[in-house]
Each structure stands twice: as C-alpha cells, then as structure tokens.
Amino acid sequence: FYDIIPKRLISIFNEQELELLISGLPTIDIDDLKANTEYHKYQATSLQVQWFWRALRSFDQKDRAQFLQFVTGTSKVPLQGFAYLEGMNGYQKFQIHRDDRSTDRLPVAHTCFNQLDLPAYETYDKLKRMLLLAINECSEGFGLA
C-alpha cells in the first residue's frame, strides 16, 4: 500500500477522511433511509421529524455522508439498502429518539445503535443549524453535546 501512496501523504488524513477519499461520496437515498427508520417518543408525523427529513434532503452529498458517519460510524451505505443497516447486534434500523432535555443541546448520536437523540427544537431553522453543527463539529468523539 505504501509503495503506491507514501505514508507521509496518508498521515495527514483521519480515518473518516481516508474512507471518503478511497470510497468517494456515497449516494444516500433519503427515501430508503426514511422507510427504514424507527421513532421513539416521536411519530413520523411529528413536526420535528418532518423538519428533520426536510433538513436532510436539503443537505449536499458531503453533508449527507457526514450525517451518516455521525449516526452510524461509517459513511458507507449498505449495498442492499438501509434495511440492511448493521448495528452492534446485527441488523439495526436507524432510530430517532426524542430528547426532552434542553433545546439548547445538540443532537447526540449513538453509533452502536444507529440512533439519533433529537431535541424538540422550536423551529426548522434551529433544528437544521444544530444538526449541521453536530455532524460537522462532533464527529470525532462520543458524548459531545
């Protein structure tokens, strides 16, 4: 591997950046993800859930890939679609859990469970802003909220 790409060039990238460089940006089918999502303390018709899907659809492919990395730990889409998304104990659908704590908190991801804890934000703009902030600034560690 290092005969083709020198180690000094690779060392400037973290593992997420290297994965995207090698694999490229995935095409993320929002309709497929939505069809394979479970809700806890939210419903598909909840305002915040509708805003969430609207925000995700507005993201470019880079932000969608970062979102997928944030909530699942990988930017790769399962070959057979999101019905085959894997978690810690095998196949695990994407889950959106309502976070009833402060709406000043960022969304929190639990990558082992493909889970997003989403506060009940008061506006679409705040939800989108906080989601983008979380996926762009909090993708390097756990418990950052």
Protein backbone atom coordinates (compact mmCIF):
# COMPACT_ATOMS: atom_id res chain seq x y z
CA PHE A 1 0.00 0.00 0.00
CA TYR A 2 2.73 2.45 1.00
CA ASP A 3 4.56 1.65 -2.27
CA ILE A 4 1.66 3.27 -4.12
CA ILE A 5 0.83 6.05 -1.66
CA PRO A 6 3.63 7.26 0.63
CA LYS A 7 2.87 7.08 4.36
CA ARG A 8 3.69 10.77 4.81
CA LEU A 9 0.82 11.69 2.46
CA ILE A 10 -1.68 9.41 4.19
CA SER A 11 -0.81 10.60 7.70
CA ILE A 12 -2.49 13.99 7.19
CA PHE A 13 -5.94 12.34 6.96
CA ASN A 14 -8.07 10.89 9.74
CA GLU A 15 -9.86 7.57 9.17
CA GLN A 16 -13.14 9.21 8.08
CA GLU A 17 -11.40 11.41 5.52
CA LEU A 18 -9.39 8.46 4.22
CA GLU A 19 -12.54 6.36 3.86
CA LEU A 20 -14.18 9.11 1.81
CA LEU A 21 -11.06 9.54 -0.33
CA ILE A 22 -10.91 5.85 -1.14
CA SER A 23 -14.63 5.14 -1.46
CA GLY A 24 -15.86 8.50 -2.67
CA LEU A 25 -19.04 10.20 -1.52
CA PRO A 26 -21.90 7.75 -1.19
CA THR A 27 -25.27 8.35 -2.81
CA ILE A 28 -27.66 8.42 0.11
CA ASP A 29 -31.27 7.58 -0.71
CA ILE A 30 -33.24 9.61 1.83
CA ASP A 31 -36.50 7.81 0.96
CA ASP A 32 -34.87 4.43 1.70
CA LEU A 33 -33.43 5.70 4.99
CA LYS A 34 -36.82 7.16 5.96
CA ALA A 35 -38.60 3.88 5.12
CA ASN A 36 -36.20 2.06 7.46
CA THR A 37 -36.43 4.41 10.43
CA GLU A 38 -38.00 3.80 13.83
CA TYR A 39 -39.24 6.59 16.11
CA HIS A 40 -39.19 6.71 19.90
CA LYS A 41 -41.27 9.39 21.67
CA TYR A 42 -41.76 10.88 18.20
CA GLN A 43 -44.03 9.84 15.35
CA ALA A 44 -43.43 10.09 11.62
CA THR A 45 -45.93 12.97 11.65
CA SER A 46 -44.23 14.93 14.47
CA LEU A 47 -43.21 18.42 13.41
CA GLN A 48 -39.56 17.92 14.41
CA VAL A 49 -39.40 14.67 12.42
CA GLN A 50 -40.83 16.39 9.34
CA TRP A 51 -38.29 19.19 9.80
CA PHE A 52 -35.50 16.61 10.22
CA TRP A 53 -36.27 14.94 6.88
CA ARG A 54 -36.61 18.34 5.19
CA ALA A 55 -33.21 19.36 6.56
CA LEU A 56 -31.57 16.09 5.50
CA ARG A 57 -32.98 16.46 1.97
CA SER A 58 -31.53 19.98 1.79
CA PHE A 59 -28.00 18.72 2.56
CA ASP A 60 -25.49 18.23 -0.23
CA GLN A 61 -23.88 14.79 -0.63
CA LYS A 62 -20.92 15.76 1.59
CA ASP A 63 -23.17 16.75 4.50
CA ARG A 64 -25.33 13.65 3.97
CA ALA A 65 -22.20 11.48 4.14
CA GLN A 66 -21.09 13.28 7.31
CA PHE A 67 -24.55 12.74 8.79
CA LEU A 68 -24.37 9.03 8.02
CA GLN A 69 -20.87 8.90 9.55
CA PHE A 70 -22.16 10.75 12.63
CA VAL A 71 -25.09 8.40 13.34
CA THR A 72 -23.70 5.04 12.17
CA GLY A 73 -19.92 5.35 12.42
CA THR A 74 -19.44 4.89 8.67
CA SER A 75 -20.20 6.90 5.55
CA LYS A 76 -20.92 3.70 3.60
CA VAL A 77 -24.47 2.89 2.55
CA PRO A 78 -25.30 -0.82 2.89
CA LEU A 79 -25.15 -2.46 -0.57
CA GLN A 80 -28.72 -3.74 -0.27
CA GLY A 81 -30.08 -0.52 1.21
CA PHE A 82 -30.86 0.77 4.68
CA ALA A 83 -32.98 -2.28 5.57
CA TYR A 84 -29.57 -3.97 5.98
CA LEU A 85 -28.01 -1.29 8.17
CA GLU A 86 -26.00 -3.00 10.87
CA GLY A 87 -25.61 -2.08 14.50
CA MET A 88 -23.87 -3.65 17.43
CA ASN A 89 -26.18 -6.69 17.50
CA GLY A 90 -26.77 -7.30 13.79
CA TYR A 91 -29.31 -5.54 11.58
CA GLN A 92 -30.44 -2.34 13.27
CA LYS A 93 -32.72 0.25 11.71
CA PHE A 94 -31.92 3.94 12.03
CA GLN A 95 -33.72 5.38 15.07
CA ILE A 96 -34.75 8.89 16.02
CA HIS A 97 -35.34 9.32 19.75
CA ARG A 98 -36.90 12.44 21.22
CA ASP A 99 -34.54 14.16 23.66
CA ASP A 100 -36.76 16.00 26.16
CA ARG A 101 -33.89 17.86 27.75
CA SER A 102 -32.96 21.41 26.75
CA THR A 103 -33.40 22.52 23.15
CA ASP A 104 -30.06 24.29 23.54
CA ARG A 105 -28.40 20.86 23.29
CA LEU A 106 -27.00 19.45 20.08
CA PRO A 107 -28.39 16.22 18.64
CA VAL A 108 -26.49 13.24 20.04
CA ALA A 109 -25.60 10.07 18.11
CA HIS A 110 -25.16 6.54 19.44
CA THR A 111 -23.31 4.82 16.59
CA CYS A 112 -23.57 1.31 18.06
CA PHE A 113 -27.35 1.55 17.76
CA ASN A 114 -27.69 3.82 14.66
CA GLN A 115 -29.53 6.19 16.95
CA LEU A 116 -30.03 9.96 16.91
CA ASP A 117 -31.32 11.73 20.02
CA LEU A 118 -33.10 14.77 18.62
CA PRO A 119 -34.27 17.60 20.89
CA ALA A 120 -37.73 19.04 20.23
CA TYR A 121 -36.46 22.23 18.59
CA GLU A 122 -38.94 25.08 18.24
CA THR A 123 -38.14 25.96 14.62
CA TYR A 124 -36.92 24.31 11.43
CA ASP A 125 -34.00 26.75 11.18
CA LYS A 126 -32.75 25.87 14.66
CA LEU A 127 -33.08 22.13 14.01
CA LYS A 128 -31.12 22.39 10.76
CA ARG A 129 -28.44 24.63 12.30
CA MET A 130 -27.95 22.38 15.34
CA LEU A 131 -27.90 19.22 13.21
CA LEU A 132 -25.26 20.66 10.88
CA LEU A 133 -23.22 21.85 13.85
CA ALA A 134 -23.36 18.39 15.41
CA ILE A 135 -22.36 16.49 12.27
CA ASN A 136 -19.59 18.91 11.32
CA GLU A 137 -18.09 19.56 14.75
CA CYS A 138 -18.84 16.44 16.79
CA SER A 139 -17.87 13.60 14.51
CA GLU A 140 -14.56 12.87 16.21
CA GLY A 141 -15.75 11.57 19.56
CA PHE A 142 -18.53 10.31 21.76
CA GLY A 143 -20.77 12.15 24.20
CA LEU A 144 -20.22 15.58 22.71
CA ALA A 145 -23.42 17.51 23.28
